[in-house]
Amino acid sequence: MKDKPRELNENKLAGLIDMESEFKGDLTFKGSFRIEGFFKGTITSDSLLVIGERGKVEADVKVGQLIINGEIHGHLQASERIEIHNKGRVFGTVLTPRLIVEEGAHLEATCQTQPGPGEAAPSAKEPSDEKP
């Protein structure tokens, strides 16, 4: 008898690097993933990555959504949004269509917002010679 394939639920935790754990390498996942320990390498997913308060990450990250409560260093790219909560510390480059930074968060990065999938880029207005 064949097992039924599990349905993917973005709200359920698919994986965890817990406190006092270290991982170095390439991480890919489906569903949401949480890091409370130390990770160094690359992270790729279309889903949600959460860096917990005790999490420390040194990585190039390309995910759907990123929520930061801990510390992260690297090139961060999210296709939907990046949230930096009040205890979050970000160092590096941030590229996302939506960036949310709570009061108290530390952000030391080059930031660029870009249109997400299916969104039109805002048009630059040409300066006109007309007076208002």
C-alpha atoms as a PDB file:
ATOM      1  CA  MET A   1       0.000   0.000   0.000  1.00  0.00           C
ATOM      2  CA  LYS A   2       1.343   3.408  -0.934  1.00  0.00           C
ATOM      3  CA  ASP A   3       1.502   6.225   1.583  1.00  0.00           C
ATOM      4  CA  LYS A   4      -0.509   9.301   0.747  1.00  0.00           C
ATOM      5  CA  PRO A   5       1.697  12.281  -0.109  1.00  0.00           C
ATOM      6  CA  ARG A   6       1.699  14.883   2.624  1.00  0.00           C
ATOM      7  CA  GLU A   7       0.140  18.205   1.721  1.00  0.00           C
ATOM      8  CA  LEU A   8       2.355  21.231   2.165  1.00  0.00           C
ATOM      9  CA  ASN A   9       1.125  23.675   4.794  1.00  0.00           C
ATOM     10  CA  GLU A  10       3.110  26.927   4.910  1.00  0.00           C
ATOM     11  CA  ASN A  11       1.915  27.568   8.482  1.00  0.00           C
ATOM     12  CA  LYS A  12       3.446  24.364   9.857  1.00  0.00           C
ATOM     13  CA  LEU A  13       7.107  24.176  10.747  1.00  0.00           C
ATOM     14  CA  ALA A  14       8.954  21.943   8.266  1.00  0.00           C
ATOM     15  CA  GLY A  15      12.363  22.185   9.955  1.00  0.00           C
ATOM     16  CA  LEU A  16      14.352  23.648  12.817  1.00  0.00           C
ATOM     17  CA  ILE A  17      17.957  24.338  13.729  1.00  0.00           C
ATOM     18  CA  ASP A  18      17.620  24.566  17.498  1.00  0.00           C
ATOM     19  CA  MET A  19      19.667  26.422  20.116  1.00  0.00           C
ATOM     20  CA  GLU A  20      23.196  25.130  20.651  1.00  0.00           C
ATOM     21  CA  SER A  21      23.133  23.551  17.169  1.00  0.00           C
ATOM     22  CA  GLU A  22      25.424  24.600  14.319  1.00  0.00           C
ATOM     23  CA  PHE A  23      24.978  23.878  10.641  1.00  0.00           C
ATOM     24  CA  LYS A  24      27.195  24.830   7.712  1.00  0.00           C
ATOM     25  CA  GLY A  25      26.251  24.229   4.088  1.00  0.00           C
ATOM     26  CA  ASP A  26      23.359  24.669   1.667  1.00  0.00           C
ATOM     27  CA  LEU A  27      19.816  24.625   3.011  1.00  0.00           C
ATOM     28  CA  THR A  28      16.709  24.197   0.847  1.00  0.00           C
ATOM     29  CA  PHE A  29      13.228  23.510   2.211  1.00  0.00           C
ATOM     30  CA  LYS A  30       9.480  23.571   1.543  1.00  0.00           C
ATOM     31  CA  GLY A  31       7.118  24.840   4.197  1.00  0.00           C
ATOM     32  CA  SER A  32       8.396  27.110   6.947  1.00  0.00           C
ATOM     33  CA  PHE A  33      11.808  26.771   8.595  1.00  0.00           C
ATOM     34  CA  ARG A  34      13.085  28.259  11.873  1.00  0.00           C
ATOM     35  CA  ILE A  35      16.676  28.888  12.953  1.00  0.00           C
ATOM     36  CA  GLU A  36      17.407  29.312  16.681  1.00  0.00           C
ATOM     37  CA  GLY A  37      21.018  28.110  16.479  1.00  0.00           C
ATOM     38  CA  PHE A  38      23.915  29.021  14.163  1.00  0.00           C
ATOM     39  CA  PHE A  39      23.836  28.604  10.375  1.00  0.00           C
ATOM     40  CA  LYS A  40      26.494  29.494   7.800  1.00  0.00           C
ATOM     41  CA  GLY A  41      26.123  28.954   4.046  1.00  0.00           C
ATOM     42  CA  THR A  42      23.278  29.473   1.575  1.00  0.00           C
ATOM     43  CA  ILE A  43      19.512  29.238   2.088  1.00  0.00           C
ATOM     44  CA  THR A  44      17.067  28.845  -0.796  1.00  0.00           C
ATOM     45  CA  SER A  45      13.298  28.385  -0.660  1.00  0.00           C
ATOM     46  CA  ASP A  46      10.023  29.852  -1.941  1.00  0.00           C
ATOM     47  CA  SER A  47       8.624  29.608   1.595  1.00  0.00           C
ATOM     48  CA  LEU A  48       8.971  31.312   4.993  1.00  0.00           C
ATOM     49  CA  LEU A  49      12.248  31.491   6.925  1.00  0.00           C
ATOM     50  CA  VAL A  50      12.194  32.662  10.553  1.00  0.00           C
ATOM     51  CA  ILE A  51      15.368  33.661  12.393  1.00  0.00           C
ATOM     52  CA  GLY A  52      14.537  33.307  16.091  1.00  0.00           C
ATOM     53  CA  GLU A  53      15.828  35.606  18.857  1.00  0.00           C
ATOM     54  CA  ARG A  54      18.752  33.283  19.600  1.00  0.00           C
ATOM     55  CA  GLY A  55      19.428  32.557  15.924  1.00  0.00           C
ATOM     56  CA  LYS A  56      22.628  33.737  14.232  1.00  0.00           C
ATOM     57  CA  VAL A  57      22.968  33.383  10.458  1.00  0.00           C
ATOM     58  CA  GLU A  58      25.798  34.143   8.038  1.00  0.00           C
ATOM     59  CA  ALA A  59      24.344  33.347   4.631  1.00  0.00           C
ATOM     60  CA  ASP A  60      23.179  34.328   1.196  1.00  0.00           C
ATOM     61  CA  VAL A  61      19.411  33.969   1.522  1.00  0.00           C
ATOM     62  CA  LYS A  62      16.807  33.741  -1.231  1.00  0.00           C
ATOM     63  CA  VAL A  63      13.333  32.946   0.135  1.00  0.00           C
ATOM     64  CA  GLY A  64       9.664  33.874  -0.247  1.00  0.00           C
ATOM     65  CA  GLN A  65       9.343  35.560   3.162  1.00  0.00           C
ATOM     66  CA  LEU A  66      11.899  36.303   5.864  1.00  0.00           C
ATOM     67  CA  ILE A  67      11.144  37.188   9.490  1.00  0.00           C
ATOM     68  CA  ILE A  68      14.132  38.269  11.571  1.00  0.00           C
ATOM     69  CA  ASN A  69      14.168  38.289  15.378  1.00  0.00           C
ATOM     70  CA  GLY A  70      17.856  37.357  15.750  1.00  0.00           C
ATOM     71  CA  GLU A  71      21.049  38.294  13.903  1.00  0.00           C
ATOM     72  CA  ILE A  72      21.763  37.816  10.217  1.00  0.00           C
ATOM     73  CA  HIS A  73      24.717  38.768   7.993  1.00  0.00           C
ATOM     74  CA  GLY A  74      24.658  38.415   4.207  1.00  0.00           C
ATOM     75  CA  HIS A  75      22.795  39.050   0.982  1.00  0.00           C
ATOM     76  CA  LEU A  76      19.074  38.753   1.772  1.00  0.00           C
ATOM     77  CA  GLN A  77      16.492  38.443  -0.980  1.00  0.00           C
ATOM     78  CA  ALA A  78      12.780  37.756  -0.515  1.00  0.00           C
ATOM     79  CA  SER A  79      10.204  37.552  -3.309  1.00  0.00           C
ATOM     80  CA  GLU A  80       7.358  38.699  -1.004  1.00  0.00           C
ATOM     81  CA  ARG A  81       8.583  40.512   2.138  1.00  0.00           C
ATOM     82  CA  ILE A  82      11.226  40.890   4.822  1.00  0.00           C
ATOM     83  CA  GLU A  83      10.252  41.777   8.395  1.00  0.00           C
ATOM     84  CA  ILE A  84      12.859  42.900  10.916  1.00  0.00           C
ATOM     85  CA  HIS A  85      11.353  42.790  14.394  1.00  0.00           C
ATOM     86  CA  ASN A  86      12.506  44.928  17.330  1.00  0.00           C
ATOM     87  CA  LYS A  87      15.206  42.466  18.473  1.00  0.00           C
ATOM     88  CA  GLY A  88      16.391  41.755  14.935  1.00  0.00           C
ATOM     89  CA  ARG A  89      19.879  42.739  13.724  1.00  0.00           C
ATOM     90  CA  VAL A  90      20.620  42.821   9.994  1.00  0.00           C
ATOM     91  CA  PHE A  91      23.992  43.420   8.299  1.00  0.00           C
ATOM     92  CA  GLY A  92      24.513  43.242   4.533  1.00  0.00           C
ATOM     93  CA  THR A  93      22.225  43.714   1.541  1.00  0.00           C
ATOM     94  CA  VAL A  94      18.420  43.587   1.527  1.00  0.00           C
ATOM     95  CA  LEU A  95      16.393  43.135  -1.681  1.00  0.00           C
ATOM     96  CA  THR A  96      12.602  42.728  -1.414  1.00  0.00           C
ATOM     97  CA  PRO A  97       9.326  44.275  -2.638  1.00  0.00           C
ATOM     98  CA  ARG A  98       8.185  44.944   0.968  1.00  0.00           C
ATOM     99  CA  LEU A  99      10.437  45.803   3.901  1.00  0.00           C
ATOM    100  CA  ILE A 100       9.015  46.170   7.403  1.00  0.00           C
ATOM    101  CA  VAL A 101      11.335  47.403  10.163  1.00  0.00           C
ATOM    102  CA  GLU A 102      10.009  47.655  13.719  1.00  0.00           C
ATOM    103  CA  GLU A 103      11.169  50.343  16.103  1.00  0.00           C
ATOM    104  CA  GLY A 104      14.211  49.095  18.002  1.00  0.00           C
ATOM    105  CA  ALA A 105      15.506  46.885  15.180  1.00  0.00           C
ATOM    106  CA  HIS A 106      19.115  47.291  13.991  1.00  0.00           C
ATOM    107  CA  LEU A 107      19.537  47.629  10.228  1.00  0.00           C
ATOM    108  CA  GLU A 108      23.008  48.184   8.796  1.00  0.00           C
ATOM    109  CA  ALA A 109      22.479  47.324   5.151  1.00  0.00           C
ATOM    110  CA  THR A 110      22.071  48.472   1.598  1.00  0.00           C
ATOM    111  CA  CYS A 111      18.339  48.198   0.913  1.00  0.00           C
ATOM    112  CA  GLN A 112      16.442  48.044  -2.351  1.00  0.00           C
ATOM    113  CA  THR A 113      12.751  47.450  -2.839  1.00  0.00           C
ATOM    114  CA  GLN A 114      11.731  45.922  -6.133  1.00  0.00           C
ATOM    115  CA  PRO A 115       8.361  44.848  -7.513  1.00  0.00           C
ATOM    116  CA  GLY A 116       7.291  41.349  -6.529  1.00  0.00           C
ATOM    117  CA  PRO A 117       6.092  38.746  -9.004  1.00  0.00           C
ATOM    118  CA  GLY A 118       3.110  40.049 -10.971  1.00  0.00           C
ATOM    119  CA  GLU A 119       3.559  43.645  -9.783  1.00  0.00           C
ATOM    120  CA  ALA A 120       4.326  46.517 -12.109  1.00  0.00           C
ATOM    121  CA  ALA A 121       7.362  48.679 -11.494  1.00  0.00           C
ATOM    122  CA  PRO A 122       6.517  52.247 -10.504  1.00  0.00           C
ATOM    123  CA  SER A 123       7.063  54.618 -13.390  1.00  0.00           C
ATOM    124  CA  ALA A 124       9.528  57.438 -12.933  1.00  0.00           C
ATOM    125  CA  LYS A 125       7.973  60.808 -13.641  1.00  0.00           C
ATOM    126  CA  GLU A 126       9.856  63.123 -15.918  1.00  0.00           C
ATOM    127  CA  PRO A 127      10.354  66.625 -14.535  1.00  0.00           C
ATOM    128  CA  SER A 128       8.163  69.021 -16.465  1.00  0.00           C
ATOM    129  CA  ASP A 129       8.794  72.577 -17.514  1.00  0.00           C
ATOM    130  CA  GLU A 130       5.270  73.549 -16.507  1.00  0.00           C
ATOM    131  CA  LYS A 131       4.753  75.607 -13.385  1.00  0.00           C
ATOM    132  CA  PRO A 132       2.177  74.398 -10.871  1.00  0.00           C
END
